[in-house]
Amino acid sequence: MMVNGKRQRRGFTLIEVLAALAVIVILTITLIVTVKGQMQHAEAKNVATIVRSVNAQLEVQTPDMDDAGTPQSLGEMRDKGFISGAQYSQLVDAGVKVSTAGSGVTLKAPTGK
């Protein structure tokens, strides 16, 4: 098509390309933030599940143990076979603490994670 003796090009302007690129970048950042949040949420649920499982196991086995046999730390729980090495690593990474208050030993997951 000729306008004033010059051929007019059809296509996108630089502004249109930059606007499209900006939208793509914003959508990508939103996706990354959402996925990261979901992964953190899933990890927190995984740790909570492990804590509940180990606490239930300790509750069942505590009456059979004497005071010397009761594990006092995550390391002792791993060494005595209460938890696996993978569970130990996940619990340590999550900052889970061992509580010996009351009648037995329990695990407490950190809050706010």
N, C-alpha and C. Protein backbone atom coordinates (compact mmCIF):
# COMPACT_ATOMS: atom_id res chain seq x y z
N MET A 1 0.85 -1.16 0.00
CA MET A 1 0.00 0.00 0.00
C MET A 1 0.90 1.24 0.00
N MET A 2 0.56 2.17 -0.79
CA MET A 2 1.36 3.39 -0.92
C MET A 2 0.63 4.55 -0.24
N VAL A 3 1.36 5.28 0.55
CA VAL A 3 0.84 6.49 1.18
C VAL A 3 1.85 7.59 0.94
N ASN A 4 1.43 8.65 0.25
CA ASN A 4 2.31 9.78 -0.07
C ASN A 4 3.59 9.33 -0.75
N GLY A 5 3.49 8.36 -1.60
CA GLY A 5 4.64 7.91 -2.36
C GLY A 5 5.55 6.95 -1.62
N LYS A 6 5.23 6.58 -0.38
CA LYS A 6 6.04 5.63 0.40
C LYS A 6 5.21 4.38 0.68
N ARG A 7 5.88 3.27 0.70
CA ARG A 7 5.17 2.05 1.00
C ARG A 7 5.03 1.93 2.53
N GLN A 8 3.80 1.65 2.98
CA GLN A 8 3.54 1.52 4.42
C GLN A 8 3.75 0.07 4.82
N ARG A 9 4.50 -0.16 5.87
CA ARG A 9 4.77 -1.51 6.35
C ARG A 9 3.67 -1.94 7.31
N ARG A 10 3.35 -3.20 7.20
CA ARG A 10 2.38 -3.77 8.14
C ARG A 10 3.17 -4.56 9.18
N GLY A 11 2.79 -4.43 10.42
CA GLY A 11 3.48 -5.15 11.49
C GLY A 11 3.24 -4.47 12.81
N PHE A 12 3.97 -4.90 13.80
CA PHE A 12 3.81 -4.36 15.14
C PHE A 12 4.82 -3.25 15.36
N THR A 13 4.39 -2.26 16.12
CA THR A 13 5.31 -1.19 16.49
C THR A 13 6.14 -1.65 17.69
N LEU A 14 7.19 -0.94 17.95
CA LEU A 14 8.05 -1.27 19.08
C LEU A 14 7.26 -1.20 20.38
N ILE A 15 6.40 -0.24 20.53
CA ILE A 15 5.59 -0.08 21.74
C ILE A 15 4.69 -1.31 21.94
N GLU A 16 4.09 -1.79 20.87
CA GLU A 16 3.21 -2.96 20.97
C GLU A 16 4.01 -4.21 21.38
N VAL A 17 5.17 -4.38 20.83
CA VAL A 17 6.01 -5.52 21.18
C VAL A 17 6.44 -5.43 22.64
N LEU A 18 6.84 -4.25 23.09
CA LEU A 18 7.26 -4.07 24.48
C LEU A 18 6.09 -4.29 25.44
N ALA A 19 4.91 -3.83 25.06
CA ALA A 19 3.72 -4.04 25.91
C ALA A 19 3.42 -5.54 26.03
N ALA A 20 3.49 -6.26 24.92
CA ALA A 20 3.25 -7.70 24.96
C ALA A 20 4.31 -8.40 25.82
N LEU A 21 5.55 -7.99 25.67
CA LEU A 21 6.64 -8.56 26.46
C LEU A 21 6.43 -8.28 27.95
N ALA A 22 5.99 -7.08 28.29
CA ALA A 22 5.72 -6.73 29.69
C ALA A 22 4.62 -7.61 30.27
N VAL A 23 3.58 -7.86 29.51
CA VAL A 23 2.50 -8.73 29.98
C VAL A 23 3.02 -10.15 30.22
N ILE A 24 3.84 -10.65 29.32
CA ILE A 24 4.41 -11.98 29.47
C ILE A 24 5.29 -12.06 30.71
N VAL A 25 6.10 -11.04 30.94
CA VAL A 25 6.97 -11.02 32.12
C VAL A 25 6.14 -11.00 33.40
N ILE A 26 5.09 -10.20 33.45
CA ILE A 26 4.24 -10.10 34.63
C ILE A 26 3.56 -11.45 34.91
N LEU A 27 3.05 -12.09 33.86
CA LEU A 27 2.41 -13.39 34.03
C LEU A 27 3.41 -14.45 34.50
N THR A 28 4.62 -14.40 33.98
CA THR A 28 5.65 -15.36 34.39
C THR A 28 6.03 -15.18 35.85
N ILE A 29 6.21 -13.94 36.27
CA ILE A 29 6.55 -13.66 37.67
C ILE A 29 5.43 -14.12 38.59
N THR A 30 4.19 -13.87 38.20
CA THR A 30 3.05 -14.30 38.99
C THR A 30 3.03 -15.82 39.12
N LEU A 31 3.30 -16.51 38.04
CA LEU A 31 3.33 -17.97 38.06
C LEU A 31 4.43 -18.48 38.98
N ILE A 32 5.60 -17.89 38.91
CA ILE A 32 6.73 -18.32 39.75
C ILE A 32 6.41 -18.12 41.23
N VAL A 33 5.84 -16.97 41.57
CA VAL A 33 5.50 -16.70 42.97
C VAL A 33 4.44 -17.68 43.46
N THR A 34 3.45 -17.97 42.64
CA THR A 34 2.39 -18.89 43.02
C THR A 34 2.94 -20.30 43.22
N VAL A 35 3.76 -20.76 42.31
CA VAL A 35 4.33 -22.11 42.42
C VAL A 35 5.22 -22.21 43.65
N LYS A 36 6.01 -21.18 43.91
CA LYS A 36 6.88 -21.19 45.09
C LYS A 36 6.05 -21.28 46.37
N GLY A 37 4.98 -20.51 46.43
CA GLY A 37 4.10 -20.55 47.60
C GLY A 37 3.46 -21.91 47.79
N GLN A 38 3.02 -22.51 46.70
CA GLN A 38 2.41 -23.84 46.78
C GLN A 38 3.43 -24.89 47.22
N MET A 39 4.66 -24.77 46.77
CA MET A 39 5.70 -25.72 47.18
C MET A 39 6.01 -25.58 48.67
N GLN A 40 6.06 -24.36 49.17
CA GLN A 40 6.30 -24.14 50.59
C GLN A 40 5.14 -24.71 51.42
N HIS A 41 3.92 -24.50 50.93
CA HIS A 41 2.74 -25.02 51.62
C HIS A 41 2.78 -26.56 51.65
N ALA A 42 3.14 -27.18 50.54
CA ALA A 42 3.23 -28.63 50.47
C ALA A 42 4.32 -29.16 51.40
N GLU A 43 5.45 -28.47 51.46
CA GLU A 43 6.54 -28.89 52.35
C GLU A 43 6.11 -28.79 53.81
N ALA A 44 5.39 -27.72 54.16
CA ALA A 44 4.90 -27.56 55.54
C ALA A 44 3.93 -28.69 55.89
N LYS A 45 3.06 -29.05 54.95
CA LYS A 45 2.12 -30.16 55.20
C LYS A 45 2.87 -31.48 55.32
N ASN A 46 3.90 -31.66 54.53
CA ASN A 46 4.71 -32.88 54.61
C ASN A 46 5.37 -33.00 55.98
N VAL A 47 5.94 -31.91 56.46
CA VAL A 47 6.59 -31.92 57.78
C VAL A 47 5.55 -32.19 58.87
N ALA A 48 4.38 -31.56 58.76
CA ALA A 48 3.33 -31.78 59.76
C ALA A 48 2.89 -33.24 59.77
N THR A 49 2.83 -33.86 58.60
CA THR A 49 2.45 -35.27 58.51
C THR A 49 3.51 -36.16 59.16
N ILE A 50 4.77 -35.86 58.90
CA ILE A 50 5.85 -36.64 59.51
C ILE A 50 5.83 -36.49 61.03
N VAL A 51 5.61 -35.26 61.50
CA VAL A 51 5.55 -35.01 62.95
C VAL A 51 4.41 -35.80 63.58
N ARG A 52 3.22 -35.77 62.95
CA ARG A 52 2.08 -36.53 63.49
C ARG A 52 2.38 -38.03 63.51
N SER A 53 3.00 -38.52 62.46
CA SER A 53 3.32 -39.94 62.37
C SER A 53 4.30 -40.36 63.45
N VAL A 54 5.36 -39.60 63.62
CA VAL A 54 6.37 -39.93 64.63
C VAL A 54 5.77 -39.79 66.03
N ASN A 55 4.96 -38.76 66.26
CA ASN A 55 4.32 -38.60 67.57
C ASN A 55 3.41 -39.78 67.89
N ALA A 56 2.67 -40.26 66.90
CA ALA A 56 1.80 -41.42 67.12
C ALA A 56 2.64 -42.65 67.44
N GLN A 57 3.73 -42.82 66.73
CA GLN A 57 4.62 -43.95 66.98
C GLN A 57 5.22 -43.86 68.38
N LEU A 58 5.64 -42.67 68.78
CA LEU A 58 6.20 -42.49 70.12
C LEU A 58 5.15 -42.75 71.19
N GLU A 59 3.93 -42.32 70.94
CA GLU A 59 2.85 -42.52 71.91
C GLU A 59 2.58 -44.01 72.12
N VAL A 60 2.64 -44.77 71.05
CA VAL A 60 2.41 -46.20 71.15
C VAL A 60 3.58 -46.90 71.83
N GLN A 61 4.80 -46.49 71.55
CA GLN A 61 5.97 -47.21 72.04
C GLN A 61 6.50 -46.69 73.37
N THR A 62 6.11 -45.50 73.81
CA THR A 62 6.65 -44.93 75.04
C THR A 62 6.37 -45.79 76.28
N PRO A 63 5.17 -46.37 76.44
CA PRO A 63 4.96 -47.18 77.65
C PRO A 63 5.89 -48.39 77.74
N ASP A 64 6.37 -48.87 76.61
CA ASP A 64 7.26 -50.03 76.61
C ASP A 64 8.71 -49.68 76.90
N MET A 65 9.04 -48.38 76.87
CA MET A 65 10.43 -47.96 77.08
C MET A 65 10.65 -47.56 78.53
N ASP A 66 11.83 -47.81 79.04
CA ASP A 66 12.18 -47.28 80.35
C ASP A 66 12.79 -45.89 80.15
N ASP A 67 13.10 -45.19 81.22
CA ASP A 67 13.63 -43.82 81.11
C ASP A 67 14.92 -43.76 80.31
N ALA A 68 15.76 -44.75 80.43
CA ALA A 68 17.04 -44.74 79.71
C ALA A 68 16.83 -45.00 78.22
N GLY A 69 15.75 -45.68 77.86
CA GLY A 69 15.53 -46.02 76.46
C GLY A 69 14.74 -44.99 75.68
N THR A 70 14.22 -43.98 76.34
CA THR A 70 13.42 -42.97 75.66
C THR A 70 14.33 -42.00 74.91
N PRO A 71 14.14 -41.86 73.62
CA PRO A 71 15.00 -40.94 72.86
C PRO A 71 14.75 -39.49 73.26
N GLN A 72 15.82 -38.74 73.41
CA GLN A 72 15.72 -37.35 73.84
C GLN A 72 16.01 -36.36 72.73
N SER A 73 16.41 -36.84 71.56
CA SER A 73 16.71 -35.95 70.44
C SER A 73 16.37 -36.64 69.13
N LEU A 74 16.35 -35.87 68.07
CA LEU A 74 16.08 -36.43 66.75
C LEU A 74 17.16 -37.43 66.36
N GLY A 75 18.40 -37.13 66.72
CA GLY A 75 19.50 -38.03 66.42
C GLY A 75 19.33 -39.39 67.10
N GLU A 76 18.89 -39.37 68.36
CA GLU A 76 18.65 -40.63 69.07
C GLU A 76 17.49 -41.38 68.44
N MET A 77 16.46 -40.65 68.00
CA MET A 77 15.32 -41.30 67.34
C MET A 77 15.76 -41.99 66.06
N ARG A 78 16.66 -41.34 65.33
CA ARG A 78 17.19 -41.95 64.11
C ARG A 78 18.04 -43.17 64.45
N ASP A 79 18.91 -43.02 65.44
CA ASP A 79 19.81 -44.11 65.81
C ASP A 79 19.07 -45.33 66.36
N LYS A 80 17.94 -45.09 67.05
CA LYS A 80 17.17 -46.20 67.63
C LYS A 80 16.11 -46.74 66.67
N GLY A 81 16.05 -46.19 65.47
CA GLY A 81 15.15 -46.72 64.46
C GLY A 81 13.73 -46.19 64.49
N PHE A 82 13.47 -45.13 65.25
CA PHE A 82 12.13 -44.55 65.26
C PHE A 82 11.82 -43.81 63.97
N ILE A 83 12.83 -43.17 63.41
CA ILE A 83 12.67 -42.42 62.17
C ILE A 83 13.78 -42.80 61.20
N SER A 84 13.51 -42.64 59.93
CA SER A 84 14.52 -42.95 58.91
C SER A 84 15.49 -41.78 58.75
N GLY A 85 16.53 -42.01 58.02
CA GLY A 85 17.49 -40.93 57.76
C GLY A 85 16.87 -39.80 56.96
N ALA A 86 15.98 -40.15 56.02
CA ALA A 86 15.30 -39.12 55.22
C ALA A 86 14.37 -38.28 56.10
N GLN A 87 13.63 -38.95 57.00
CA GLN A 87 12.76 -38.21 57.93
C GLN A 87 13.60 -37.32 58.83
N TYR A 88 14.71 -37.85 59.31
CA TYR A 88 15.61 -37.06 60.17
C TYR A 88 16.05 -35.79 59.46
N SER A 89 16.48 -35.93 58.21
CA SER A 89 16.94 -34.76 57.45
C SER A 89 15.82 -33.73 57.27
N GLN A 90 14.62 -34.21 56.93
CA GLN A 90 13.49 -33.29 56.73
C GLN A 90 13.12 -32.59 58.04
N LEU A 91 13.12 -33.33 59.14
CA LEU A 91 12.75 -32.73 60.43
C LEU A 91 13.79 -31.72 60.89
N VAL A 92 15.07 -32.03 60.69
CA VAL A 92 16.13 -31.09 61.08
C VAL A 92 16.06 -29.84 60.21
N ASP A 93 15.89 -30.02 58.90
CA ASP A 93 15.79 -28.87 57.99
C ASP A 93 14.60 -27.98 58.32
N ALA A 94 13.50 -28.59 58.80
CA ALA A 94 12.30 -27.83 59.12
C ALA A 94 12.37 -27.18 60.50
N GLY A 95 13.36 -27.54 61.29
CA GLY A 95 13.51 -26.94 62.62
C GLY A 95 12.60 -27.55 63.67
N VAL A 96 12.25 -28.83 63.51
CA VAL A 96 11.38 -29.51 64.47
C VAL A 96 12.17 -29.75 65.75
N LYS A 97 11.51 -29.52 66.88
CA LYS A 97 12.15 -29.69 68.19
C LYS A 97 11.54 -30.88 68.93
N VAL A 98 12.32 -31.50 69.79
CA VAL A 98 11.86 -32.60 70.63
C VAL A 98 11.46 -32.02 71.98
N SER A 99 10.27 -32.38 72.44
CA SER A 99 9.79 -31.91 73.73
C SER A 99 9.64 -33.12 74.66
N THR A 100 10.23 -33.02 75.83
CA THR A 100 10.14 -34.12 76.80
C THR A 100 9.22 -33.75 77.96
N ALA A 101 8.45 -32.69 77.81
CA ALA A 101 7.53 -32.27 78.87
C ALA A 101 6.37 -33.25 78.96
N GLY A 102 5.84 -33.38 80.16
CA GLY A 102 4.68 -34.26 80.34
C GLY A 102 5.08 -35.70 80.51
N SER A 103 4.21 -36.57 80.04
CA SER A 103 4.40 -38.00 80.28
C SER A 103 5.29 -38.69 79.26
N GLY A 104 5.63 -38.01 78.17
CA GLY A 104 6.44 -38.66 77.15
C GLY A 104 7.17 -37.68 76.28
N VAL A 105 7.68 -38.20 75.19
CA VAL A 105 8.44 -37.40 74.23
C VAL A 105 7.53 -37.11 73.04
N THR A 106 7.53 -35.86 72.59
CA THR A 106 6.76 -35.48 71.40
C THR A 106 7.60 -34.55 70.54
N LEU A 107 7.25 -34.46 69.29
CA LEU A 107 7.89 -33.52 68.37
C LEU A 107 7.00 -32.30 68.22
N LYS A 108 7.62 -31.15 68.11
CA LYS A 108 6.86 -29.91 67.89
C LYS A 108 7.38 -29.23 66.64
N ALA A 109 6.48 -29.07 65.68
CA ALA A 109 6.83 -28.39 64.44
C ALA A 109 6.86 -26.88 64.69
N PRO A 110 7.78 -26.18 64.06
CA PRO A 110 7.83 -24.72 64.23
C PRO A 110 6.59 -24.09 63.61
N THR A 111 6.14 -23.00 64.21
CA THR A 111 4.98 -22.29 63.67
C THR A 111 5.45 -21.14 62.80
N GLY A 112 4.61 -20.72 61.88
CA GLY A 112 4.93 -19.57 61.05
C GLY A 112 5.74 -19.90 59.83
N LYS A 113 5.89 -21.17 59.48
CA LYS A 113 6.63 -21.54 58.28
C LYS A 113 5.68 -21.85 57.19
